[in-house]
Amino acid sequence: MHATRPLVQIFGLTFDLSIIITSTIAALVVLVFAYACTRHITAKKPGKMQNLLEWVIEFVQNIMVNSMGRKDNLFILAGGVGLILYLFIANIMGVPFSFIAGADHATWWKSPTADAHVTMTLAIMMIVYTHFIHIRLHGLKNYFLSFFKPFKALFAINILEQFCTTLTLGLRLFGNIYAGEVMLGILAAAAMKGFQSGIFIGIGSSMLAAIPMMIWQVFCLFIGAIQAYIFVTLFMVYIGQRVNEATT
């Protein structure tokens, strides 16, 4: 069975409804999680949810220290915490199940980061933000001069580096999440195909595919967490390069 995308055109632009739905849900989950963790915030005896959020904040602060050498920038810290939470939720949304419906077998539920459009958009936003940090800290003139360092002859390579950095940042996340969901789809299809040969063969194939699928689902959860960590770490590294450039 070949799955398609639920596409819709508005003002000549094509939108993937599944990406819009799952991306919005991932963002709402992060907002609800943050609200639940901070609703009864206290400095005396924090609850489990507050402790969990504080652990996430400390985790991102450690990334900042290792990547930038500092953790006092609350604006970057807030961005890092929001980003790692969103990516973790988005990376694992397609792990429990996938929803396919309609005569054209449109996929309505999957991890939004299993789509290159989403990951490349995130990568472009993060790289543009690092350039904004450089301009804000060191000025527009030094920003343009930085492309000619350490030698003027390296201008073309420095420009190319920005495109390669963006490309690798987005495609790394997409490739890992997409590959995991493809494997889950293959295992699910193997189980379903057995029913075409009879109910007993179908039950047998489902039982054989069940254990590998559960193992792979756990592995996908691990990969989703690792990829969120790698994306945020690289984001902090790129910011650190701009911050260090601005302080030299």
Foldseek 3Di string as FASTA:
>chain_A
DDADFPWDDDPNDIDGQLLVVLLVVLLVVLVVLVCVLPVPDDPPDGDPSVVVLVVLLVVLQVLLCVQQVGRPPVVLSVVLSSQLSSLLSLLQFPLVHWDFDDPNRYTNTHRSLLDLVVLLVVLVVLLVVLLVLLCVLANPVVSVVVLQPPHNVNNVVSVVVSVVSSVCLRVVSNVLSNVLSVVLVVLVVQLVVLCVVPDVSSVVSCVVSVVVSVVSSVVSSVVSSVSSVVSSSVSSNSSSVSVVSSVD
